[in-house]
C-alpha atoms as a PDB file:
ATOM      1  CA  UNK A   1      -9.414  25.341  41.131  1.00  0.00           C
ATOM      2  CA  UNK A   2     -12.244  22.975  40.246  1.00  0.00           C
ATOM      3  CA  UNK A   3     -11.642  19.263  40.360  1.00  0.00           C
ATOM      4  CA  UNK A   4     -13.429  16.652  38.305  1.00  0.00           C
ATOM      5  CA  UNK A   5     -14.202  13.391  40.057  1.00  0.00           C
ATOM      6  CA  UNK A   6     -14.001  10.379  37.740  1.00  0.00           C
ATOM      7  CA  UNK A   7     -17.041   8.171  37.593  1.00  0.00           C
ATOM      8  CA  UNK A   8     -16.170   4.858  39.179  1.00  0.00           C
ATOM      9  CA  UNK A   9     -17.213   1.561  37.658  1.00  0.00           C
ATOM     10  CA  UNK A  10     -17.859   3.095  34.265  1.00  0.00           C
ATOM     11  CA  UNK A  11     -18.163   0.658  31.361  1.00  0.00           C
ATOM     12  CA  UNK A  12     -18.335   3.391  28.730  1.00  0.00           C
ATOM     13  CA  UNK A  13     -16.915   2.162  25.441  1.00  0.00           C
ATOM     14  CA  UNK A  14     -16.670  -1.451  26.619  1.00  0.00           C
ATOM     15  CA  UNK A  15     -18.454  -4.361  24.975  1.00  0.00           C
ATOM     16  CA  UNK A  16     -19.765  -7.249  27.047  1.00  0.00           C
ATOM     17  CA  UNK A  17     -21.073 -10.626  25.873  1.00  0.00           C
ATOM     18  CA  UNK A  18     -23.580 -12.266  28.222  1.00  0.00           C
ATOM     19  CA  UNK A  19     -24.671 -15.841  27.609  1.00  0.00           C
ATOM     20  CA  UNK A  20     -28.163 -16.594  28.848  1.00  0.00           C
ATOM     21  CA  UNK A  21     -28.690 -12.841  28.776  1.00  0.00           C
ATOM     22  CA  UNK A  22     -32.429 -12.771  28.193  1.00  0.00           C
ATOM     23  CA  UNK A  23     -33.713 -13.695  31.622  1.00  0.00           C
ATOM     24  CA  UNK A  24     -32.829 -14.141  35.262  1.00  0.00           C
ATOM     25  CA  UNK A  25     -29.341 -13.278  36.465  1.00  0.00           C
ATOM     26  CA  UNK A  26     -28.112 -12.680  32.915  1.00  0.00           C
ATOM     27  CA  UNK A  27     -30.838 -10.117  32.315  1.00  0.00           C
ATOM     28  CA  UNK A  28     -30.036  -8.410  35.615  1.00  0.00           C
ATOM     29  CA  UNK A  29     -26.354  -8.152  34.684  1.00  0.00           C
ATOM     30  CA  UNK A  30     -27.272  -6.791  31.257  1.00  0.00           C
ATOM     31  CA  UNK A  31     -29.367  -4.026  32.827  1.00  0.00           C
ATOM     32  CA  UNK A  32     -26.544  -3.085  35.207  1.00  0.00           C
ATOM     33  CA  UNK A  33     -24.004  -3.012  32.377  1.00  0.00           C
ATOM     34  CA  UNK A  34     -26.283  -0.879  30.217  1.00  0.00           C
ATOM     35  CA  UNK A  35     -26.660   1.668  33.030  1.00  0.00           C
ATOM     36  CA  UNK A  36     -22.857   1.810  33.264  1.00  0.00           C
ATOM     37  CA  UNK A  37     -22.529   2.549  29.542  1.00  0.00           C
ATOM     38  CA  UNK A  38     -21.565  -0.805  28.008  1.00  0.00           C
ATOM     39  CA  UNK A  39     -22.405  -2.137  24.568  1.00  0.00           C
ATOM     40  CA  UNK A  40     -24.051  -5.529  24.893  1.00  0.00           C
ATOM     41  CA  UNK A  41     -24.210  -8.836  23.055  1.00  0.00           C
ATOM     42  CA  UNK A  42     -26.940 -11.110  24.419  1.00  0.00           C
ATOM     43  CA  UNK A  43     -27.157 -14.801  23.604  1.00  0.00           C
ATOM     44  CA  UNK A  44     -29.647 -17.474  24.580  1.00  0.00           C
ATOM     45  CA  UNK A  45     -32.066 -20.059  23.269  1.00  0.00           C
ATOM     46  CA  UNK A  46     -35.178 -17.856  23.219  1.00  0.00           C
ATOM     47  CA  UNK A  47     -35.208 -15.200  20.492  1.00  0.00           C
ATOM     48  CA  UNK A  48     -38.391 -13.564  21.811  1.00  0.00           C
ATOM     49  CA  UNK A  49     -37.011 -13.243  25.339  1.00  0.00           C
ATOM     50  CA  UNK A  50     -33.735 -11.810  24.038  1.00  0.00           C
ATOM     51  CA  UNK A  51     -35.537  -9.259  21.913  1.00  0.00           C
ATOM     52  CA  UNK A  52     -37.721  -8.194  24.831  1.00  0.00           C
ATOM     53  CA  UNK A  53     -34.673  -7.651  27.038  1.00  0.00           C
ATOM     54  CA  UNK A  54     -32.814  -5.881  24.234  1.00  0.00           C
ATOM     55  CA  UNK A  55     -35.709  -3.444  23.830  1.00  0.00           C
ATOM     56  CA  UNK A  56     -35.489  -2.582  27.553  1.00  0.00           C
ATOM     57  CA  UNK A  57     -31.743  -2.005  27.271  1.00  0.00           C
ATOM     58  CA  UNK A  58     -32.065   0.198  24.203  1.00  0.00           C
ATOM     59  CA  UNK A  59     -34.450   2.411  26.136  1.00  0.00           C
ATOM     60  CA  UNK A  60     -31.610   2.932  28.626  1.00  0.00           C
ATOM     61  CA  UNK A  61     -29.410   3.959  25.704  1.00  0.00           C
ATOM     62  CA  UNK A  62     -27.324   0.821  25.171  1.00  0.00           C
ATOM     63  CA  UNK A  63     -26.331  -0.582  21.807  1.00  0.00           C
ATOM     64  CA  UNK A  64     -27.416  -4.216  21.772  1.00  0.00           C
ATOM     65  CA  UNK A  65     -26.798  -7.163  19.468  1.00  0.00           C
ATOM     66  CA  UNK A  66     -28.843 -10.320  20.058  1.00  0.00           C
ATOM     67  CA  UNK A  67     -27.604 -13.701  18.858  1.00  0.00           C
ATOM     68  CA  UNK A  68     -30.142 -16.469  19.542  1.00  0.00           C
ATOM     69  CA  UNK A  69     -28.651 -19.935  19.670  1.00  0.00           C
ATOM     70  CA  UNK A  70     -27.616 -22.911  21.764  1.00  0.00           C
ATOM     71  CA  UNK A  71     -24.047 -22.723  23.044  1.00  0.00           C
ATOM     72  CA  UNK A  72     -23.879 -26.475  23.581  1.00  0.00           C
ATOM     73  CA  UNK A  73     -23.423 -26.426  19.804  1.00  0.00           C
ATOM     74  CA  UNK A  74     -19.780 -25.332  19.928  1.00  0.00           C
ATOM     75  CA  UNK A  75     -19.978 -23.797  16.444  1.00  0.00           C
ATOM     76  CA  UNK A  76     -22.400 -21.262  17.929  1.00  0.00           C
ATOM     77  CA  UNK A  77     -19.711 -20.051  20.324  1.00  0.00           C
ATOM     78  CA  UNK A  78     -17.341 -19.166  17.511  1.00  0.00           C
ATOM     79  CA  UNK A  79     -20.200 -17.429  15.728  1.00  0.00           C
ATOM     80  CA  UNK A  80     -20.962 -15.323  18.816  1.00  0.00           C
ATOM     81  CA  UNK A  81     -17.340 -14.183  19.099  1.00  0.00           C
ATOM     82  CA  UNK A  82     -17.096 -13.472  15.378  1.00  0.00           C
ATOM     83  CA  UNK A  83     -20.318 -11.458  15.184  1.00  0.00           C
ATOM     84  CA  UNK A  84     -19.478  -9.521  18.356  1.00  0.00           C
ATOM     85  CA  UNK A  85     -16.128  -8.458  16.905  1.00  0.00           C
ATOM     86  CA  UNK A  86     -17.744  -7.578  13.588  1.00  0.00           C
ATOM     87  CA  UNK A  87     -20.345  -5.343  15.267  1.00  0.00           C
ATOM     88  CA  UNK A  88     -18.324  -3.682  18.019  1.00  0.00           C
ATOM     89  CA  UNK A  89     -14.672  -4.256  17.121  1.00  0.00           C
ATOM     90  CA  UNK A  90     -13.633  -5.725  20.465  1.00  0.00           C
ATOM     91  CA  UNK A  91     -14.838  -7.875  23.373  1.00  0.00           C
ATOM     92  CA  UNK A  92     -13.874  -6.403  26.748  1.00  0.00           C
ATOM     93  CA  UNK A  93     -15.934  -8.696  28.966  1.00  0.00           C
ATOM     94  CA  UNK A  94     -17.535 -12.104  28.570  1.00  0.00           C
ATOM     95  CA  UNK A  95     -20.025 -13.352  31.160  1.00  0.00           C
ATOM     96  CA  UNK A  96     -20.586 -17.108  31.166  1.00  0.00           C
ATOM     97  CA  UNK A  97     -24.050 -17.057  32.685  1.00  0.00           C
ATOM     98  CA  UNK A  98     -25.950 -19.685  30.683  1.00  0.00           C
ATOM     99  CA  UNK A  99     -26.526 -22.776  32.781  1.00  0.00           C
ATOM    100  CA  UNK A 100     -29.244 -24.862  34.376  1.00  0.00           C
ATOM    101  CA  UNK A 101     -30.434 -28.356  35.156  1.00  0.00           C
ATOM    102  CA  UNK A 102     -33.796 -29.179  33.599  1.00  0.00           C
ATOM    103  CA  UNK A 103     -36.237 -31.128  35.804  1.00  0.00           C
ATOM    104  CA  UNK A 104     -35.978 -34.103  33.433  1.00  0.00           C
ATOM    105  CA  UNK A 105     -32.191 -34.200  33.886  1.00  0.00           C
ATOM    106  CA  UNK A 106     -31.950 -34.359  37.673  1.00  0.00           C
ATOM    107  CA  UNK A 107     -32.140 -37.247  40.091  1.00  0.00           C
ATOM    108  CA  UNK A 108     -30.192 -39.303  42.580  1.00  0.00           C
ATOM    109  CA  UNK A 109     -26.672 -40.045  41.410  1.00  0.00           C
ATOM    110  CA  UNK A 110     -27.254 -43.791  41.645  1.00  0.00           C
ATOM    111  CA  UNK A 111     -30.025 -43.538  39.056  1.00  0.00           C
ATOM    112  CA  UNK A 112     -28.614 -40.928  36.619  1.00  0.00           C
ATOM    113  CA  UNK A 113     -28.492 -41.880  32.957  1.00  0.00           C
ATOM    114  CA  UNK A 114     -25.690 -40.885  30.629  1.00  0.00           C
ATOM    115  CA  UNK A 115     -28.065 -38.577  28.767  1.00  0.00           C
ATOM    116  CA  UNK A 116     -29.084 -36.767  31.959  1.00  0.00           C
ATOM    117  CA  UNK A 117     -25.443 -36.389  32.948  1.00  0.00           C
ATOM    118  CA  UNK A 118     -24.356 -35.142  29.532  1.00  0.00           C
ATOM    119  CA  UNK A 119     -27.195 -32.635  29.205  1.00  0.00           C
ATOM    120  CA  UNK A 120     -26.176 -30.911  32.431  1.00  0.00           C
ATOM    121  CA  UNK A 121     -22.399 -31.150  32.092  1.00  0.00           C
ATOM    122  CA  UNK A 122     -22.355 -30.149  28.412  1.00  0.00           C
ATOM    123  CA  UNK A 123     -24.104 -26.856  29.206  1.00  0.00           C
ATOM    124  CA  UNK A 124     -22.634 -25.951  32.583  1.00  0.00           C
ATOM    125  CA  UNK A 125     -19.050 -27.091  32.042  1.00  0.00           C
ATOM    126  CA  UNK A 126     -18.109 -27.995  28.478  1.00  0.00           C
ATOM    127  CA  UNK A 127     -19.889 -25.100  26.747  1.00  0.00           C
ATOM    128  CA  UNK A 128     -18.794 -22.650  29.461  1.00  0.00           C
ATOM    129  CA  UNK A 129     -15.161 -23.683  29.019  1.00  0.00           C
ATOM    130  CA  UNK A 130     -15.172 -23.295  25.250  1.00  0.00           C
ATOM    131  CA  UNK A 131     -16.977 -19.967  25.566  1.00  0.00           C
ATOM    132  CA  UNK A 132     -14.235 -18.738  27.909  1.00  0.00           C
ATOM    133  CA  UNK A 133     -11.627 -20.030  25.467  1.00  0.00           C
ATOM    134  CA  UNK A 134     -13.259 -18.167  22.574  1.00  0.00           C
ATOM    135  CA  UNK A 135     -13.375 -15.009  24.684  1.00  0.00           C
ATOM    136  CA  UNK A 136      -9.685 -15.306  25.570  1.00  0.00           C
ATOM    137  CA  UNK A 137      -8.721 -15.828  21.938  1.00  0.00           C
ATOM    138  CA  UNK A 138     -10.635 -12.672  20.988  1.00  0.00           C
ATOM    139  CA  UNK A 139      -9.244 -10.498  23.827  1.00  0.00           C
ATOM    140  CA  UNK A 140      -5.982  -9.534  22.127  1.00  0.00           C
ATOM    141  CA  UNK A 141      -5.520  -6.504  24.401  1.00  0.00           C
ATOM    142  CA  UNK A 142      -6.848  -8.036  27.590  1.00  0.00           C
ATOM    143  CA  UNK A 143     -10.261  -8.198  29.183  1.00  0.00           C
ATOM    144  CA  UNK A 144     -12.418  -9.777  31.865  1.00  0.00           C
ATOM    145  CA  UNK A 145     -14.087 -13.198  31.863  1.00  0.00           C
ATOM    146  CA  UNK A 146     -16.718 -13.817  34.527  1.00  0.00           C
ATOM    147  CA  UNK A 147     -18.000 -17.325  35.204  1.00  0.00           C
ATOM    148  CA  UNK A 148     -21.326 -17.564  37.002  1.00  0.00           C
ATOM    149  CA  UNK A 149     -21.072 -20.724  39.077  1.00  0.00           C
ATOM    150  CA  UNK A 150     -23.164 -21.631  42.130  1.00  0.00           C
ATOM    151  CA  UNK A 151     -22.945 -22.259  45.829  1.00  0.00           C
ATOM    152  CA  UNK A 152     -23.716 -25.849  44.769  1.00  0.00           C
ATOM    153  CA  UNK A 153     -20.073 -26.051  43.663  1.00  0.00           C
ATOM    154  CA  UNK A 154     -18.895 -26.115  47.269  1.00  0.00           C
ATOM    155  CA  UNK A 155     -21.802 -27.799  49.071  1.00  0.00           C
ATOM    156  CA  UNK A 156     -23.531 -31.183  48.870  1.00  0.00           C
ATOM    157  CA  UNK A 157     -26.434 -30.947  46.446  1.00  0.00           C
ATOM    158  CA  UNK A 158     -28.517 -34.136  46.447  1.00  0.00           C
ATOM    159  CA  UNK A 159     -30.656 -34.681  43.320  1.00  0.00           C
ATOM    160  CA  UNK A 160     -28.501 -32.166  41.393  1.00  0.00           C
ATOM    161  CA  UNK A 161     -25.079 -33.568  42.195  1.00  0.00           C
ATOM    162  CA  UNK A 162     -23.846 -33.506  38.588  1.00  0.00           C
ATOM    163  CA  UNK A 163     -24.882 -29.830  38.363  1.00  0.00           C
ATOM    164  CA  UNK A 164     -22.845 -29.028  41.466  1.00  0.00           C
ATOM    165  CA  UNK A 165     -19.946 -31.047  40.064  1.00  0.00           C
ATOM    166  CA  UNK A 166     -20.002 -29.127  36.790  1.00  0.00           C
ATOM    167  CA  UNK A 167     -19.970 -25.799  38.650  1.00  0.00           C
ATOM    168  CA  UNK A 168     -17.096 -26.993  40.851  1.00  0.00           C
ATOM    169  CA  UNK A 169     -15.190 -27.889  37.698  1.00  0.00           C
ATOM    170  CA  UNK A 170     -15.731 -24.359  36.361  1.00  0.00           C
ATOM    171  CA  UNK A 171     -14.401 -22.890  39.588  1.00  0.00           C
ATOM    172  CA  UNK A 172     -11.279 -25.029  39.217  1.00  0.00           C
ATOM    173  CA  UNK A 173     -10.863 -23.885  35.619  1.00  0.00           C
ATOM    174  CA  UNK A 174     -11.390 -20.273  36.692  1.00  0.00           C
ATOM    175  CA  UNK A 175      -8.252 -20.533  38.831  1.00  0.00           C
ATOM    176  CA  UNK A 176      -6.221 -22.171  36.061  1.00  0.00           C
ATOM    177  CA  UNK A 177      -7.444 -19.761  33.372  1.00  0.00           C
ATOM    178  CA  UNK A 178      -6.430 -16.828  35.555  1.00  0.00           C
ATOM    179  CA  UNK A 179      -2.883 -18.202  35.718  1.00  0.00           C
ATOM    180  CA  UNK A 180      -2.535 -19.239  32.072  1.00  0.00           C
ATOM    181  CA  UNK A 181      -4.077 -16.043  30.674  1.00  0.00           C
ATOM    182  CA  UNK A 182      -2.829 -13.483  33.173  1.00  0.00           C
ATOM    183  CA  UNK A 183       0.163 -12.487  31.046  1.00  0.00           C
ATOM    184  CA  UNK A 184      -2.308 -11.698  28.255  1.00  0.00           C
ATOM    185  CA  UNK A 185      -4.005  -9.103  30.455  1.00  0.00           C
ATOM    186  CA  UNK A 186      -7.081 -11.321  30.845  1.00  0.00           C
ATOM    187  CA  UNK A 187      -8.673 -11.530  34.274  1.00  0.00           C
ATOM    188  CA  UNK A 188     -10.869 -14.528  35.095  1.00  0.00           C
ATOM    189  CA  UNK A 189     -13.143 -14.550  38.135  1.00  0.00           C
ATOM    190  CA  UNK A 190     -16.264 -16.399  39.251  1.00  0.00           C
ATOM    191  CA  UNK A 191     -19.421 -15.401  41.081  1.00  0.00           C
ATOM    192  CA  UNK A 192     -21.160 -18.154  43.056  1.00  0.00           C
ATOM    193  CA  UNK A 193     -24.756 -17.102  43.780  1.00  0.00           C
ATOM    194  CA  UNK A 194     -26.849 -18.584  46.525  1.00  0.00           C
ATOM    195  CA  UNK A 195     -30.636 -18.779  46.295  1.00  0.00           C
ATOM    196  CA  UNK A 196     -31.647 -15.986  43.932  1.00  0.00           C
ATOM    197  CA  UNK A 197     -35.217 -15.106  43.010  1.00  0.00           C
ATOM    198  CA  UNK A 198     -35.690 -15.051  39.247  1.00  0.00           C
ATOM    199  CA  UNK A 199     -38.750 -15.349  37.048  1.00  0.00           C
ATOM    200  CA  UNK A 200     -38.196 -19.098  36.831  1.00  0.00           C
ATOM    201  CA  UNK A 201     -37.374 -19.804  40.483  1.00  0.00           C
ATOM    202  CA  UNK A 202     -40.231 -17.651  41.745  1.00  0.00           C
ATOM    203  CA  UNK A 203     -42.776 -19.580  39.708  1.00  0.00           C
ATOM    204  CA  UNK A 204     -41.268 -22.958  40.615  1.00  0.00           C
ATOM    205  CA  UNK A 205     -41.191 -22.400  44.377  1.00  0.00           C
ATOM    206  CA  UNK A 206     -44.248 -21.672  46.500  1.00  0.00           C
ATOM    207  CA  UNK A 207     -44.205 -18.712  48.924  1.00  0.00           C
ATOM    208  CA  UNK A 208     -44.053 -21.150  51.851  1.00  0.00           C
ATOM    209  CA  UNK A 209     -40.991 -22.879  50.390  1.00  0.00           C
ATOM    210  CA  UNK A 210     -39.327 -19.519  49.718  1.00  0.00           C
ATOM    211  CA  UNK A 211     -39.964 -18.616  53.352  1.00  0.00           C
ATOM    212  CA  UNK A 212     -38.304 -21.836  54.538  1.00  0.00           C
ATOM    213  CA  UNK A 213     -35.344 -21.147  52.257  1.00  0.00           C
ATOM    214  CA  UNK A 214     -34.990 -17.573  53.527  1.00  0.00           C
ATOM    215  CA  UNK A 215     -34.908 -18.865  57.109  1.00  0.00           C
ATOM    216  CA  UNK A 216     -31.536 -20.497  56.334  1.00  0.00           C
ATOM    217  CA  UNK A 217     -30.021 -17.147  55.274  1.00  0.00           C
ATOM    218  CA  UNK A 218     -28.477 -14.908  57.971  1.00  0.00           C
ATOM    219  CA  UNK A 219     -29.571 -11.773  56.096  1.00  0.00           C
ATOM    220  CA  UNK A 220     -33.140 -13.144  56.252  1.00  0.00           C
ATOM    221  CA  UNK A 221     -34.023 -12.955  52.587  1.00  0.00           C
ATOM    222  CA  UNK A 222     -33.358 -14.660  49.279  1.00  0.00           C
ATOM    223  CA  UNK A 223     -31.172 -12.941  46.723  1.00  0.00           C
ATOM    224  CA  UNK A 224     -32.216 -10.673  43.886  1.00  0.00           C
ATOM    225  CA  UNK A 225     -30.556 -10.410  40.495  1.00  0.00           C
ATOM    226  CA  UNK A 226     -29.242  -6.961  41.440  1.00  0.00           C
ATOM    227  CA  UNK A 227     -27.273  -8.585  44.262  1.00  0.00           C
ATOM    228  CA  UNK A 228     -25.295 -10.477  41.622  1.00  0.00           C
ATOM    229  CA  UNK A 229     -25.194  -7.703  39.024  1.00  0.00           C
ATOM    230  CA  UNK A 230     -23.284  -5.275  41.247  1.00  0.00           C
ATOM    231  CA  UNK A 231     -20.359  -7.667  41.623  1.00  0.00           C
ATOM    232  CA  UNK A 232     -20.457  -8.429  37.903  1.00  0.00           C
ATOM    233  CA  UNK A 233     -20.058  -4.692  37.217  1.00  0.00           C
ATOM    234  CA  UNK A 234     -17.028  -4.578  39.516  1.00  0.00           C
ATOM    235  CA  UNK A 235     -15.363  -7.517  37.784  1.00  0.00           C
ATOM    236  CA  UNK A 236     -15.960  -5.917  34.367  1.00  0.00           C
ATOM    237  CA  UNK A 237     -14.708  -2.472  35.386  1.00  0.00           C
ATOM    238  CA  UNK A 238     -11.146  -1.167  35.544  1.00  0.00           C
ATOM    239  CA  UNK A 239     -11.427  -0.893  39.337  1.00  0.00           C
ATOM    240  CA  UNK A 240     -10.874  -4.681  39.538  1.00  0.00           C
ATOM    241  CA  UNK A 241      -7.726  -4.529  37.400  1.00  0.00           C
ATOM    242  CA  UNK A 242      -5.669  -6.392  40.034  1.00  0.00           C
ATOM    243  CA  UNK A 243      -8.251  -9.029  40.878  1.00  0.00           C
ATOM    244  CA  UNK A 244      -8.182 -12.406  39.152  1.00  0.00           C
ATOM    245  CA  UNK A 245      -8.656 -16.086  39.957  1.00  0.00           C
ATOM    246  CA  UNK A 246     -11.268 -15.358  42.627  1.00  0.00           C
ATOM    247  CA  UNK A 247     -14.533 -17.110  43.418  1.00  0.00           C
ATOM    248  CA  UNK A 248     -16.856 -14.821  45.377  1.00  0.00           C
ATOM    249  CA  UNK A 249     -19.828 -16.308  47.206  1.00  0.00           C
ATOM    250  CA  UNK A 250     -22.923 -14.088  47.089  1.00  0.00           C
ATOM    251  CA  UNK A 251     -25.410 -15.888  49.304  1.00  0.00           C
ATOM    252  CA  UNK A 252     -26.530 -13.648  52.147  1.00  0.00           C
ATOM    253  CA  UNK A 253     -24.157 -15.472  54.491  1.00  0.00           C
ATOM    254  CA  UNK A 254     -25.915 -18.815  54.110  1.00  0.00           C
ATOM    255  CA  UNK A 255     -23.886 -21.900  55.015  1.00  0.00           C
ATOM    256  CA  UNK A 256     -26.748 -24.404  55.025  1.00  0.00           C
ATOM    257  CA  UNK A 257     -27.416 -26.314  51.798  1.00  0.00           C
ATOM    258  CA  UNK A 258     -31.210 -26.297  51.688  1.00  0.00           C
ATOM    259  CA  UNK A 259     -31.213 -29.182  49.218  1.00  0.00           C
ATOM    260  CA  UNK A 260     -29.322 -31.341  51.716  1.00  0.00           C
ATOM    261  CA  UNK A 261     -31.817 -30.630  54.489  1.00  0.00           C
ATOM    262  CA  UNK A 262     -34.725 -31.344  52.165  1.00  0.00           C
ATOM    263  CA  UNK A 263     -33.132 -34.576  50.956  1.00  0.00           C
ATOM    264  CA  UNK A 264     -32.388 -35.848  54.449  1.00  0.00           C
ATOM    265  CA  UNK A 265     -35.949 -35.071  55.500  1.00  0.00           C
ATOM    266  CA  UNK A 266     -37.172 -37.055  52.501  1.00  0.00           C
ATOM    267  CA  UNK A 267     -34.899 -40.019  53.265  1.00  0.00           C
ATOM    268  CA  UNK A 268     -35.909 -40.062  56.927  1.00  0.00           C
ATOM    269  CA  UNK A 269     -39.580 -40.053  55.936  1.00  0.00           C
ATOM    270  CA  UNK A 270     -39.020 -42.927  53.490  1.00  0.00           C
ATOM    271  CA  UNK A 271     -37.145 -44.937  56.119  1.00  0.00           C
ATOM    272  CA  UNK A 272     -39.901 -44.355  58.674  1.00  0.00           C
ATOM    273  CA  UNK A 273     -42.531 -45.487  56.155  1.00  0.00           C
ATOM    274  CA  UNK A 274     -40.550 -48.649  55.358  1.00  0.00           C
ATOM    275  CA  UNK A 275     -40.137 -49.425  59.046  1.00  0.00           C
ATOM    276  CA  UNK A 276     -43.836 -48.882  59.692  1.00  0.00           C
ATOM    277  CA  UNK A 277     -44.711 -51.069  56.698  1.00  0.00           C
ATOM    278  CA  UNK A 278     -42.424 -53.833  58.007  1.00  0.00           C
ATOM    279  CA  UNK A 279     -44.013 -53.701  61.454  1.00  0.00           C
ATOM    280  CA  UNK A 280     -47.465 -53.997  59.905  1.00  0.00           C
ATOM    281  CA  UNK A 281     -46.373 -57.007  57.873  1.00  0.00           C
ATOM    282  CA  UNK A 282     -44.937 -58.699  60.977  1.00  0.00           C
ATOM    283  CA  UNK A 283     -48.154 -58.014  62.912  1.00  0.00           C
ATOM    284  CA  UNK A 284     -50.197 -59.555  60.117  1.00  0.00           C
END
């Protein structure tokens, strides 16, 4: 008697919304979901980037809806949910991936302006919360919400402290959402990536700096988007039906916050320069 073996981690017939889905980790998750059979809704600020990614996914065979926009405008979040339901009938998974800290918005906590603080927190915490809320309101028969946080949520992160704080806040909300929405059949989990190579991070960091970063990772390399995408597939699939309220670190085993080491090196250099300058003044 022949026996059929079910395909594990299938997303056939499921619809997933991915914020920040045009590039980086979001793009990697979208590709993994498409290969597993999901319909996709991609959002983000860059229409051209979204369309380019959507074209790649359609070649795989996925149905894709792109919705360019800025989710810090909370009206956009409602529009995303509404249009997703109109196109596909249901939202099975929502990935809160959009998030960053622009170079102009980072700095030492003692010097941060209200605008810098708001720009980072509004995107990484406020918008992510209301996106999760919109997803939960749409998931009338249950579903999976996945918050992409950061290892910065649980480690000191000088110069980007408000970014780390916003990600820590999302991890706290992940736990509370999982409790408040569990009876609705909604699972809420978080993925906390370590140092992951994306188009943006690769261009921003020199090969020598990437090498120094990799030396702090027990597995001896930086992450790739596929390292995050595999776990995102698991959290979206039925195989994780009894998993909720979890924050999973995906960081190659790294326990050293590279930003802290860099910052302390910088402070020590500044202190040495001040001391040397003071000695010169006394000698003069």
